[in-house]
């Protein structure tokens, strides 16, 4: 994973994720390269950890919604009963990419297959990352609460927040790593 996140109680998220010419690898085993926004609670014990990809909290019903497209058309929700530890919001949000491949296989490319240092027209990027606060307002990530998560820096990376990417960041890396 290569991501930037916010350690605050959040009630939703939005961002624009751009990937230029992604590599697609077809084979007999599952190999995934994805880009997403993740919301997660802050549970310490693994059995209590809950997370979802993209969504926002409905303060009236307690459900978590998923929307799609520029007009943010609601396409479904996770009922509040689905989660035991996110009934008062998520404890963090992160935006970025991830890759999955069988343990004996090399990883697919993350994002566009280029490191963040290669910049526009090469690297994938997240722009306009925002989270929903307790007053149901969209907020920009504040550097004091922002963290960078890269689990294999030899394979892929994520830059820190930058005004060059509309207060977003570049992320990604080439195919071919073995985790």
Protein backbone atom coordinates (compact mmCIF):
# COMPACT_ATOMS: atom_id res chain seq x y z
CA UNK A 1 0.00 0.00 0.00
CA UNK A 2 1.11 3.57 -0.67
CA UNK A 3 -1.21 6.14 0.84
CA UNK A 4 -1.67 9.39 2.70
CA UNK A 5 -4.12 9.46 5.57
CA UNK A 6 -5.69 11.57 8.29
CA UNK A 7 -5.80 10.46 11.94
CA UNK A 8 -9.03 12.12 13.08
CA UNK A 9 -12.60 11.06 13.63
CA UNK A 10 -14.14 11.30 10.18
CA UNK A 11 -17.61 10.76 8.79
CA UNK A 12 -16.86 10.38 5.09
CA UNK A 13 -14.41 11.17 2.33
CA UNK A 14 -14.07 12.35 -1.24
CA UNK A 15 -11.14 12.65 -3.67
CA UNK A 16 -10.30 12.57 -7.36
CA UNK A 17 -7.97 9.68 -8.25
CA UNK A 18 -6.20 9.81 -11.62
CA UNK A 19 -4.28 6.92 -13.17
CA UNK A 20 -2.46 7.36 -16.53
CA UNK A 21 -2.19 4.28 -18.79
CA UNK A 22 -2.44 1.60 -16.10
CA UNK A 23 -0.86 -1.79 -16.80
CA UNK A 24 -3.36 -4.64 -16.80
CA UNK A 25 -2.02 -8.13 -16.18
CA UNK A 26 -4.19 -11.13 -17.00
CA UNK A 27 -3.30 -14.53 -15.56
CA UNK A 28 -4.65 -17.60 -13.82
CA UNK A 29 -4.28 -16.15 -10.30
CA UNK A 30 -5.69 -13.01 -8.72
CA UNK A 31 -3.49 -9.96 -9.25
CA UNK A 32 -4.98 -6.61 -8.31
CA UNK A 33 -3.83 -3.02 -8.56
CA UNK A 34 -6.36 -0.66 -7.06
CA UNK A 35 -6.81 2.95 -6.05
CA UNK A 36 -9.29 3.93 -3.40
CA UNK A 37 -10.26 5.80 -0.29
CA UNK A 38 -10.41 3.73 2.89
CA UNK A 39 -12.20 4.49 6.14
CA UNK A 40 -11.21 2.55 9.25
CA UNK A 41 -12.00 2.54 12.95
CA UNK A 42 -9.21 2.86 15.52
CA UNK A 43 -9.64 -0.51 17.23
CA UNK A 44 -6.44 -1.92 18.71
CA UNK A 45 -7.43 -5.60 18.57
CA UNK A 46 -7.52 -7.17 15.10
CA UNK A 47 -10.91 -8.82 15.81
CA UNK A 48 -12.42 -5.36 16.41
CA UNK A 49 -10.95 -3.66 13.34
CA UNK A 50 -13.43 -2.62 10.67
CA UNK A 51 -12.89 -0.79 7.39
CA UNK A 52 -14.61 0.07 4.14
CA UNK A 53 -13.66 1.55 0.82
CA UNK A 54 -15.14 5.01 0.20
CA UNK A 55 -18.27 6.23 1.89
CA UNK A 56 -19.86 8.81 4.13
CA UNK A 57 -21.81 8.64 7.38
CA UNK A 58 -25.52 9.50 7.43
CA UNK A 59 -26.02 11.36 10.73
CA UNK A 60 -29.79 10.68 10.68
CA UNK A 61 -29.79 6.91 10.05
CA UNK A 62 -26.29 5.89 11.17
CA UNK A 63 -25.72 4.11 7.83
CA UNK A 64 -22.57 4.49 5.68
CA UNK A 65 -23.30 5.47 2.05
CA UNK A 66 -21.39 4.91 -1.20
CA UNK A 67 -21.74 7.33 -4.14
CA UNK A 68 -20.37 7.35 -7.68
CA UNK A 69 -19.45 9.96 -10.28
CA UNK A 70 -19.19 13.73 -10.43
CA UNK A 71 -22.78 14.17 -9.30
CA UNK A 72 -22.12 11.80 -6.35
CA UNK A 73 -25.16 9.65 -7.12
CA UNK A 74 -25.88 7.34 -4.15
CA UNK A 75 -25.59 3.71 -5.27
CA UNK A 76 -25.97 1.92 -1.96
CA UNK A 77 -25.10 1.82 1.71
CA UNK A 78 -23.79 -0.35 4.50
CA UNK A 79 -26.44 -0.61 7.23
CA UNK A 80 -25.29 0.63 10.62
CA UNK A 81 -25.70 -2.93 11.95
CA UNK A 82 -22.88 -4.05 9.62
CA UNK A 83 -20.30 -2.38 11.86
CA UNK A 84 -19.84 -2.70 15.61
CA UNK A 85 -17.16 -0.04 16.06
CA UNK A 86 -17.95 2.72 13.54
CA UNK A 87 -21.28 3.93 14.87
CA UNK A 88 -19.72 7.26 15.86
CA UNK A 89 -17.57 7.73 12.76
CA UNK A 90 -14.34 6.23 11.48
CA UNK A 91 -11.05 6.84 13.29
CA UNK A 92 -9.03 7.54 10.14
CA UNK A 93 -9.20 7.82 6.39
CA UNK A 94 -6.53 7.16 3.78
CA UNK A 95 -6.28 7.66 0.04
CA UNK A 96 -3.94 5.85 -2.31
CA UNK A 97 -3.14 2.60 -4.05
CA UNK A 98 -2.63 -1.04 -3.23
CA UNK A 99 -1.51 -4.17 -5.04
CA UNK A 100 -2.27 -7.84 -4.43
CA UNK A 101 -0.71 -10.91 -6.00
CA UNK A 102 -0.06 -14.52 -5.00
CA UNK A 103 2.92 -14.81 -2.65
CA UNK A 104 5.04 -16.57 -5.29
CA UNK A 105 4.22 -14.03 -8.04
CA UNK A 106 5.55 -10.57 -8.77
CA UNK A 107 3.21 -7.65 -8.05
CA UNK A 108 1.35 -5.74 -10.76
CA UNK A 109 2.08 -2.04 -11.21
CA UNK A 110 0.55 0.34 -8.68
CA UNK A 111 -1.27 3.31 -10.16
CA UNK A 112 0.26 4.18 -13.52
CA UNK A 113 3.36 2.07 -12.88
CA UNK A 114 5.58 5.09 -12.17
CA UNK A 115 7.09 6.38 -8.93
CA UNK A 116 5.74 9.68 -7.50
CA UNK A 117 9.00 11.47 -8.37
CA UNK A 118 8.10 11.15 -12.08
CA UNK A 119 5.21 13.63 -11.59
CA UNK A 120 2.37 14.66 -13.90
CA UNK A 121 1.58 12.61 -17.00
CA UNK A 122 3.51 9.69 -15.49
CA UNK A 123 2.52 9.04 -11.86
CA UNK A 124 -0.97 8.37 -10.60
CA UNK A 125 -2.27 11.00 -8.21
CA UNK A 126 -5.00 11.86 -5.75
CA UNK A 127 -6.25 15.44 -5.89
CA UNK A 128 -8.78 17.25 -3.71
CA UNK A 129 -8.69 14.71 -0.86
CA UNK A 130 -11.31 15.73 1.69
CA UNK A 131 -12.94 14.21 4.75
CA UNK A 132 -16.29 14.90 6.42
CA UNK A 133 -16.01 16.26 9.98
CA UNK A 134 -18.44 15.97 12.90
CA UNK A 135 -20.42 18.99 11.65
CA UNK A 136 -20.96 17.27 8.27
CA UNK A 137 -18.58 19.66 6.46
CA UNK A 138 -15.86 18.72 3.95
CA UNK A 139 -12.37 19.53 5.26
CA UNK A 140 -8.91 19.55 3.67
CA UNK A 141 -6.39 17.29 5.38
CA UNK A 142 -4.35 19.25 7.93
CA UNK A 143 -0.63 18.40 7.93
CA UNK A 144 -0.65 18.09 11.73
CA UNK A 145 -3.04 15.11 11.44
CA UNK A 146 -1.69 13.61 8.21
CA UNK A 147 0.42 10.46 7.95
CA UNK A 148 2.15 8.65 5.08
CA UNK A 149 1.79 4.86 4.78
CA UNK A 150 4.12 2.92 2.46
CA UNK A 151 4.55 -0.77 3.21
CA UNK A 152 7.28 -1.51 0.62
CA UNK A 153 9.27 1.60 -0.39
CA UNK A 154 11.45 -0.42 -2.78
CA UNK A 155 8.36 -1.16 -4.88
CA UNK A 156 6.12 1.92 -4.62
CA UNK A 157 5.75 5.21 -2.80
CA UNK A 158 3.45 8.10 -1.90
CA UNK A 159 4.50 11.75 -1.73
CA UNK A 160 3.41 14.06 1.04
CA UNK A 161 0.55 16.50 0.39
CA UNK A 162 1.51 19.14 -2.15
CA UNK A 163 -0.11 22.24 -3.70
CA UNK A 164 1.33 20.98 -7.03
CA UNK A 165 -1.42 18.34 -7.03
CA UNK A 166 -4.22 20.60 -5.74
CA UNK A 167 -3.29 19.74 -2.16
CA UNK A 168 -3.11 16.09 -3.16
CA UNK A 169 -0.20 13.76 -3.81
CA UNK A 170 1.45 11.44 -6.35
CA UNK A 171 1.71 7.70 -5.66
CA UNK A 172 2.58 4.42 -7.39
CA UNK A 173 5.37 2.20 -8.60
CA UNK A 174 6.37 -0.30 -11.33
CA UNK A 175 5.34 -3.92 -11.63
CA UNK A 176 7.67 -6.73 -10.74
CA UNK A 177 8.24 -6.60 -6.99
CA UNK A 178 8.05 -9.63 -4.72
CA UNK A 179 6.58 -8.86 -1.31
